N, C-alpha and C. Protein backbone atom coordinates (compact mmCIF):
# COMPACT_ATOMS: atom_id res chain seq x y z
N MET A 1 0.88 -1.14 0.03
CA MET A 1 0.05 -0.19 -0.11
C MET A 1 0.83 1.05 0.14
N SER A 2 0.82 2.03 -0.79
CA SER A 2 1.24 3.51 -0.92
C SER A 2 0.85 4.45 0.19
N LYS A 3 2.09 5.41 0.90
CA LYS A 3 1.20 6.65 1.56
C LYS A 3 0.91 7.66 0.77
N ASP A 4 0.12 8.25 1.60
CA ASP A 4 -1.05 9.49 0.81
C ASP A 4 0.14 10.72 1.62
N THR A 5 0.40 11.75 0.82
CA THR A 5 0.59 13.14 1.56
C THR A 5 -0.37 13.51 2.48
N VAL A 6 -0.24 14.22 3.84
CA VAL A 6 -1.33 14.76 4.39
C VAL A 6 -0.96 16.17 4.44
N HIS A 7 -1.86 17.10 3.99
CA HIS A 7 -1.66 18.67 3.93
C HIS A 7 -1.90 19.12 5.36
N THR A 8 -2.68 19.07 5.71
CA THR A 8 -3.53 19.62 7.03
C THR A 8 -3.71 18.72 7.82
N VAL A 9 -3.64 19.25 9.13
CA VAL A 9 -3.85 18.57 10.39
C VAL A 9 -4.91 19.48 11.18
N GLU A 10 -6.16 19.42 10.87
CA GLU A 10 -6.97 20.72 11.35
C GLU A 10 -7.57 20.23 12.95
N GLY A 11 -7.75 18.72 12.81
CA GLY A 11 -8.40 18.27 14.54
C GLY A 11 -7.53 17.71 14.78
N TYR A 12 -7.29 17.23 16.28
CA TYR A 12 -6.23 16.37 16.67
C TYR A 12 -6.78 15.86 17.71
N TRP A 13 -7.07 14.59 17.72
CA TRP A 13 -7.53 13.47 19.13
C TRP A 13 -6.65 12.24 19.17
N ASP A 14 -5.58 12.07 19.85
CA ASP A 14 -4.78 11.03 19.96
C ASP A 14 -4.51 10.49 18.17
N GLY A 15 -4.63 11.39 17.57
CA GLY A 15 -4.34 11.18 16.11
C GLY A 15 -4.78 12.31 15.15
N PRO A 16 -4.72 12.36 14.15
CA PRO A 16 -5.33 13.41 13.17
C PRO A 16 -6.71 12.68 13.03
N ILE A 17 -7.68 13.69 13.08
CA ILE A 17 -9.25 13.46 13.12
C ILE A 17 -9.85 14.39 11.96
N ALA A 18 -9.20 15.48 11.54
CA ALA A 18 -9.66 16.28 10.23
C ALA A 18 -8.69 16.78 9.72
N GLY A 19 -8.67 17.29 8.42
CA GLY A 19 -7.66 18.07 7.61
C GLY A 19 -8.04 17.72 6.16
N VAL A 20 -6.83 17.60 5.64
CA VAL A 20 -6.67 17.45 4.22
C VAL A 20 -5.76 16.74 3.98
N ALA A 21 -5.88 15.53 3.19
CA ALA A 21 -5.06 14.64 2.77
C ALA A 21 -5.46 13.99 1.74
N ASN A 22 -4.17 13.63 0.59
CA ASN A 22 -4.49 12.88 -0.71
C ASN A 22 -5.02 11.72 -0.57
N PHE A 23 -6.31 11.14 -1.46
CA PHE A 23 -6.76 10.11 -1.91
C PHE A 23 -6.31 9.91 -3.21
N LEU A 24 -5.85 8.58 -4.16
CA LEU A 24 -5.66 8.40 -5.35
C LEU A 24 -4.90 9.97 -5.68
N GLU A 25 -3.94 10.26 -5.08
CA GLU A 25 -2.97 11.57 -5.45
C GLU A 25 -3.93 12.89 -5.46
N LYS A 26 -5.31 12.99 -5.23
CA LYS A 26 -6.08 14.37 -5.26
C LYS A 26 -6.47 14.72 -3.98
N PRO A 27 -6.06 16.07 -3.74
CA PRO A 27 -6.61 16.34 -2.54
C PRO A 27 -8.20 16.32 -1.64
N HIS A 28 -8.08 15.71 -0.72
CA HIS A 28 -9.64 15.09 -0.23
C HIS A 28 -9.71 15.78 1.31
N TYR A 29 -10.89 16.75 1.64
CA TYR A 29 -11.38 16.76 3.21
C TYR A 29 -11.17 15.47 3.81
N TYR A 30 -10.76 15.35 4.92
CA TYR A 30 -11.09 13.94 5.81
C TYR A 30 -11.44 14.55 6.75
N ASP A 31 -12.73 13.96 7.74
CA ASP A 31 -13.02 13.94 9.09
C ASP A 31 -13.34 12.49 9.52
N VAL A 32 -12.98 12.55 10.55
CA VAL A 32 -13.33 10.93 11.44
C VAL A 32 -14.63 10.95 11.58
N VAL A 33 -15.09 9.93 11.61
CA VAL A 33 -16.36 9.38 11.42
C VAL A 33 -16.93 9.08 13.09
N GLU A 34 -17.92 10.10 13.28
CA GLU A 34 -17.76 10.11 15.17
C GLU A 34 -17.75 8.87 15.97
N ASP A 35 -18.59 8.32 15.30
CA ASP A 35 -19.03 6.78 16.26
C ASP A 35 -17.62 6.28 16.14
N ASP A 36 -16.40 6.20 15.32
CA ASP A 36 -15.34 5.65 15.10
C ASP A 36 -14.24 6.29 16.08
N ILE A 37 -14.01 7.46 16.68
CA ILE A 37 -13.19 8.08 17.61
C ILE A 37 -12.68 7.38 18.38
N GLU A 38 -13.28 6.47 19.19
CA GLU A 38 -13.22 5.65 20.36
C GLU A 38 -12.26 4.23 19.80
N GLU A 39 -12.33 4.40 18.67
CA GLU A 39 -11.46 2.82 18.16
C GLU A 39 -10.21 2.50 19.41
N ALA A 40 -10.13 1.56 19.45
CA ALA A 40 -8.94 0.93 19.99
C ALA A 40 -7.79 0.80 19.30
N ASP A 41 -7.90 0.37 18.01
CA ASP A 41 -6.46 0.32 16.99
C ASP A 41 -6.14 1.74 16.42
N SER A 42 -5.18 1.52 15.49
CA SER A 42 -4.41 2.76 14.60
C SER A 42 -5.28 3.06 13.67
N SER A 43 -6.25 2.44 13.01
CA SER A 43 -7.12 2.74 12.39
C SER A 43 -8.60 3.25 12.52
N LEU A 44 -8.82 4.16 11.75
CA LEU A 44 -10.24 4.93 11.88
C LEU A 44 -11.10 5.23 10.61
N PHE A 45 -12.21 5.31 10.47
CA PHE A 45 -13.09 5.37 9.52
C PHE A 45 -13.09 7.03 9.17
N TYR A 46 -12.94 7.39 8.06
CA TYR A 46 -13.01 8.68 7.50
C TYR A 46 -13.84 9.10 6.25
N THR A 47 -14.81 10.10 6.45
CA THR A 47 -15.43 10.57 5.81
C THR A 47 -14.48 11.78 4.56
N LEU A 48 -14.49 11.35 3.36
CA LEU A 48 -13.64 12.11 2.59
C LEU A 48 -14.35 12.82 1.18
N ILE A 49 -14.34 14.27 1.35
CA ILE A 49 -14.65 14.86 0.13
C ILE A 49 -13.91 15.43 -0.92
N PRO A 50 -14.05 14.90 -1.94
CA PRO A 50 -13.01 15.80 -2.84
C PRO A 50 -12.96 17.03 -3.27
N LEU A 51 -12.03 17.69 -3.43
CA LEU A 51 -11.90 19.16 -3.60
C LEU A 51 -11.42 19.80 -4.55
N SER A 52 -12.04 20.91 -5.07
CA SER A 52 -11.66 21.42 -6.41
C SER A 52 -9.85 21.83 -6.39
N GLU A 53 -9.66 21.95 -7.17
CA GLU A 53 -8.24 23.26 -7.37
C GLU A 53 -8.38 24.55 -6.50
N GLU A 54 -9.60 25.01 -6.54
CA GLU A 54 -9.35 26.88 -6.17
C GLU A 54 -9.87 26.07 -4.63
N ILE A 55 -10.48 25.20 -3.90
CA ILE A 55 -10.62 25.05 -2.59
C ILE A 55 -9.44 24.31 -1.99
N PHE A 56 -8.67 23.96 -2.66
CA PHE A 56 -7.69 23.31 -1.97
C PHE A 56 -6.58 24.37 -1.96
N GLU A 57 -6.81 25.59 -2.80
CA GLU A 57 -5.50 26.40 -2.71
C GLU A 57 -6.07 27.85 -1.47
N LEU A 58 -7.37 27.69 -1.11
CA LEU A 58 -7.68 28.23 0.17
C LEU A 58 -7.48 27.91 1.03
N VAL A 59 -7.45 26.56 1.12
CA VAL A 59 -7.23 25.67 2.50
C VAL A 59 -5.62 25.89 2.77
N MET A 60 -4.73 25.63 1.79
CA MET A 60 -3.71 25.63 2.03
C MET A 60 -3.13 27.32 2.29
N ASN A 61 -3.78 27.93 1.71
CA ASN A 61 -3.70 29.80 2.41
C ASN A 61 -4.00 30.02 3.71
N ASN A 62 -5.40 29.14 4.47
CA ASN A 62 -5.50 29.00 5.62
C ASN A 62 -4.54 28.67 6.47
N TRP A 63 -4.08 27.46 5.89
CA TRP A 63 -2.81 26.44 6.73
C TRP A 63 -1.64 27.36 6.98
N ALA A 64 -1.03 28.05 5.74
CA ALA A 64 -0.14 28.52 5.98
C ALA A 64 -0.39 29.91 6.97
N ILE A 65 -1.53 30.91 6.76
CA ILE A 65 -1.76 31.55 7.99
C ILE A 65 -1.84 31.28 9.44
N TRP A 66 -2.45 29.98 9.50
CA TRP A 66 -2.32 29.52 11.06
C TRP A 66 -1.20 29.22 11.25
N GLN A 67 -0.52 28.38 10.28
CA GLN A 67 1.12 28.19 11.01
C GLN A 67 2.00 29.44 11.23
N ARG A 68 1.37 30.50 10.30
CA ARG A 68 2.04 31.79 10.99
C ARG A 68 1.53 32.06 12.68
N TRP A 69 0.32 31.93 12.81
CA TRP A 69 -0.20 32.20 14.09
C TRP A 69 0.29 31.53 15.20
N TYR A 70 0.57 29.74 14.70
CA TYR A 70 0.85 29.07 15.63
C TYR A 70 2.56 29.44 15.88
N LYS A 71 3.41 29.86 15.39
CA LYS A 71 4.72 30.28 15.46
C LYS A 71 4.87 31.37 15.83
N ALA A 72 3.85 32.51 15.86
CA ALA A 72 3.73 33.75 16.73
C ALA A 72 3.25 33.07 18.15
N HIS A 73 2.35 32.25 18.26
CA HIS A 73 1.61 32.21 19.79
C HIS A 73 3.31 31.21 20.33
N GLU A 74 3.83 30.26 20.02
CA GLU A 74 4.81 29.25 20.51
C GLU A 74 5.82 30.56 21.08
N ALA A 75 6.11 31.61 20.15
CA ALA A 75 6.91 32.77 20.52
C ALA A 75 6.60 33.70 21.58
N GLY A 76 5.39 33.14 22.08
CA GLY A 76 4.84 34.46 22.90
C GLY A 76 4.60 35.49 22.44
N GLU A 77 4.16 35.84 21.11
CA GLU A 77 4.33 37.10 20.27
C GLU A 77 2.89 37.24 20.19
N THR A 78 1.49 36.36 20.58
CA THR A 78 0.59 36.50 20.44
C THR A 78 -0.41 35.34 21.40
N SER A 79 -1.83 35.82 21.56
CA SER A 79 -2.35 35.29 22.64
C SER A 79 -3.59 34.58 21.96
N LEU A 80 -4.08 33.37 22.60
CA LEU A 80 -4.88 32.20 22.17
C LEU A 80 -6.25 33.47 21.72
N ASP A 81 -6.32 34.19 22.34
CA ASP A 81 -7.44 35.30 21.79
C ASP A 81 -7.54 35.40 20.27
N THR A 82 -6.39 35.81 19.57
CA THR A 82 -6.03 35.81 18.55
C THR A 82 -6.68 34.74 17.53
N HIS A 83 -6.35 33.48 17.98
CA HIS A 83 -6.37 32.20 17.00
C HIS A 83 -7.99 32.15 16.25
N PRO A 84 -7.43 31.70 14.72
CA PRO A 84 -6.41 31.07 14.20
C PRO A 84 -5.54 31.92 13.75
N ALA A 85 -6.00 33.39 13.59
CA ALA A 85 -5.07 34.18 12.05
C ALA A 85 -4.38 35.03 13.17
N LEU A 86 -3.25 35.71 12.76
CA LEU A 86 -2.66 36.98 13.52
C LEU A 86 -3.74 37.96 13.03
N PRO A 87 -3.90 39.34 13.47
CA PRO A 87 -4.89 40.57 13.25
C PRO A 87 -4.78 40.62 11.66
N GLU A 88 -3.38 41.10 11.23
CA GLU A 88 -3.48 41.44 9.78
C GLU A 88 -3.97 40.10 8.82
N ASP A 89 -4.25 38.76 9.16
CA ASP A 89 -4.46 37.73 8.62
C ASP A 89 -6.06 37.26 8.69
N LYS A 90 -6.40 38.00 9.83
CA LYS A 90 -8.09 37.79 9.93
C LYS A 90 -9.11 37.62 8.94
N ASP A 91 -9.37 38.80 8.38
CA ASP A 91 -9.87 39.02 7.19
C ASP A 91 -10.01 37.82 6.38
N ASN A 92 -8.77 37.75 5.94
CA ASN A 92 -8.35 36.59 4.81
C ASN A 92 -8.45 35.09 5.13
N TYR A 93 -8.62 35.00 6.12
CA TYR A 93 -8.77 33.84 6.50
C TYR A 93 -10.28 33.45 6.70
N THR A 94 -10.70 34.51 7.51
CA THR A 94 -12.52 34.29 7.52
C THR A 94 -12.99 34.18 6.33
N LEU A 95 -12.91 34.67 5.38
CA LEU A 95 -13.25 34.88 4.16
C LEU A 95 -13.09 33.58 3.32
N SER A 96 -11.81 33.11 3.40
CA SER A 96 -11.63 31.53 2.86
C SER A 96 -12.11 30.66 3.51
N LYS A 97 -12.23 30.65 5.01
CA LYS A 97 -13.23 29.87 5.71
C LYS A 97 -14.53 29.41 5.16
N LYS A 98 -15.05 31.01 5.02
CA LYS A 98 -16.15 30.70 4.51
C LYS A 98 -16.68 29.82 3.42
N LYS A 99 -15.51 30.15 2.06
CA LYS A 99 -15.89 29.86 1.06
C LYS A 99 -15.13 28.22 0.94
N ILE A 100 -14.62 27.69 1.86
CA ILE A 100 -14.46 26.50 2.32
C ILE A 100 -15.49 25.58 2.69
N ASP A 101 -16.18 26.05 3.84
CA ASP A 101 -17.22 25.29 4.50
C ASP A 101 -18.32 25.63 3.20
N SER A 102 -18.47 26.50 2.73
CA SER A 102 -19.70 26.37 1.96
C SER A 102 -19.46 25.30 0.50
N PHE A 103 -18.44 25.33 -0.06
CA PHE A 103 -17.75 23.98 -0.52
C PHE A 103 -18.41 22.74 -0.01
N LEU A 104 -17.86 22.57 1.33
CA LEU A 104 -17.89 20.92 1.97
C LEU A 104 -19.26 20.97 2.33
N PHE A 105 -20.11 21.82 2.42
CA PHE A 105 -21.35 21.53 2.73
C PHE A 105 -22.45 21.22 1.21
N GLN A 106 -22.08 22.02 0.31
CA GLN A 106 -22.65 21.61 -1.11
C GLN A 106 -22.20 20.06 -1.85
N ASN A 107 -20.83 19.96 -1.02
CA ASN A 107 -20.47 19.13 -1.86
C ASN A 107 -20.34 17.71 -1.07
N ARG A 108 -21.22 17.42 -0.17
CA ARG A 108 -21.26 16.58 1.06
C ARG A 108 -22.11 15.18 0.21
N ASP A 109 -22.77 15.18 -0.75
CA ASP A 109 -23.31 14.38 -1.29
C ASP A 109 -22.12 13.62 -2.46
N LYS A 110 -21.34 13.86 -2.62
CA LYS A 110 -19.80 13.49 -3.24
C LYS A 110 -18.91 12.47 -1.97
N SER A 111 -19.34 12.69 -0.91
CA SER A 111 -18.43 12.05 0.28
C SER A 111 -18.30 10.69 -0.08
N PHE A 112 -17.59 10.11 0.66
CA PHE A 112 -17.18 9.02 0.73
C PHE A 112 -16.86 8.39 2.35
N ILE A 113 -16.66 7.13 2.44
CA ILE A 113 -15.78 6.68 3.63
C ILE A 113 -14.61 5.51 3.59
N LYS A 114 -13.60 5.90 3.74
CA LYS A 114 -12.50 5.11 3.68
C LYS A 114 -11.81 4.78 5.20
N LYS A 115 -11.24 3.68 5.20
CA LYS A 115 -10.52 3.48 6.57
C LYS A 115 -9.03 3.68 6.27
N GLY A 116 -8.45 4.58 7.36
CA GLY A 116 -6.94 5.01 7.25
C GLY A 116 -6.31 4.89 8.02
N ILE A 117 -5.34 4.87 7.72
CA ILE A 117 -4.15 4.91 9.33
C ILE A 117 -2.84 5.56 8.87
N PHE A 118 -2.98 6.77 10.19
CA PHE A 118 -1.97 7.36 9.89
C PHE A 118 -0.56 7.06 10.61
N THR A 119 0.52 7.63 10.05
CA THR A 119 2.07 7.44 10.83
C THR A 119 2.70 8.54 10.42
N VAL A 120 3.44 8.78 11.37
CA VAL A 120 4.70 9.65 11.34
C VAL A 120 5.63 9.69 10.83
N LYS A 121 6.02 10.19 9.66
CA LYS A 121 7.11 10.26 8.68
C LYS A 121 8.20 11.07 9.16
N GLU A 122 8.38 11.39 10.20
CA GLU A 122 9.50 11.82 10.69
C GLU A 122 9.25 12.60 12.13
N SER A 123 10.02 12.23 13.36
CA SER A 123 10.29 12.86 14.26
C SER A 123 10.39 14.61 14.30
N ALA A 124 9.26 15.37 15.17
CA ALA A 124 9.36 16.82 15.23
C ALA A 124 8.67 17.25 16.54
N ALA A 125 9.51 18.74 16.41
CA ALA A 125 8.50 19.10 17.87
C ALA A 125 7.22 19.21 18.35
N SER A 126 6.57 19.72 17.06
CA SER A 126 5.34 19.76 17.08
C SER A 126 4.30 18.94 15.86
N LEU A 127 3.26 18.24 16.51
CA LEU A 127 2.52 17.73 15.73
C LEU A 127 1.46 18.42 14.43
N ASN A 128 1.86 19.60 14.30
CA ASN A 128 0.97 20.73 13.72
C ASN A 128 1.60 20.74 11.83
N PHE A 129 2.47 20.51 11.70
CA PHE A 129 3.50 20.92 10.32
C PHE A 129 3.48 19.83 9.54
N SER A 130 2.36 19.14 9.48
CA SER A 130 2.28 18.29 8.35
C SER A 130 3.38 16.93 8.25
N ILE A 131 3.75 16.56 9.64
CA ILE A 131 4.63 15.40 9.58
C ILE A 131 3.73 13.88 9.34
N PHE A 132 2.85 13.86 9.05
CA PHE A 132 2.09 12.61 9.12
C PHE A 132 2.00 12.23 7.55
N GLU A 133 1.74 11.00 7.28
CA GLU A 133 1.20 10.22 5.93
C GLU A 133 0.07 9.54 6.45
N ILE A 134 -0.59 8.97 5.19
CA ILE A 134 -1.89 8.33 5.20
C ILE A 134 -1.84 7.22 4.38
N VAL A 135 -2.19 5.90 5.21
CA VAL A 135 -2.56 4.68 4.36
C VAL A 135 -3.83 4.70 3.99
N TRP A 136 -4.76 4.68 3.05
CA TRP A 136 -6.27 4.15 2.72
C TRP A 136 -6.18 3.08 2.33
N GLU A 137 -7.24 1.96 3.07
CA GLU A 137 -7.70 1.19 2.83
C GLU A 137 -8.79 0.61 2.23
C-alpha cells in the first residue's frame, strides 16, 4: 500500500481527525466518522470529500495563515485570543473559511468513507506541521 500526503491537520485527538490529505493523488477533506473516534486500534474510518483546485488553494492559504499564528503564539508574540490568525490575516482567513465551509456543505453528496491509518513520517517538536502520512484501505 502506498502512503499518501497529509497536507493539513485541522483536528487532533490521539491522532489526526480532520484536515486535508491526498486520496488517489488528489486532495480530499477528511473527517473522522464520529462513532469511530473511540476505536482502540490505529485505524479509523473517515468521511472524504474531493476538493476542487480553487478550494485546495484556499485551504493551503489558511494553513499557512494558521502556521504563522502558531509560530507567533509559540514564541509568545500573540495570545490565544487571536486564534486562528494573526490580526493582519484575520479577514483573509475568515473569507477563505466561509468559501471552504460552503464548498464542503454543497459537496457532501460526493463524500465517501474510507479506512485510514496515519503514521508519523519524521519526528518533530510539533504535531502541527504536516509530519504525517496516511494509508487508505
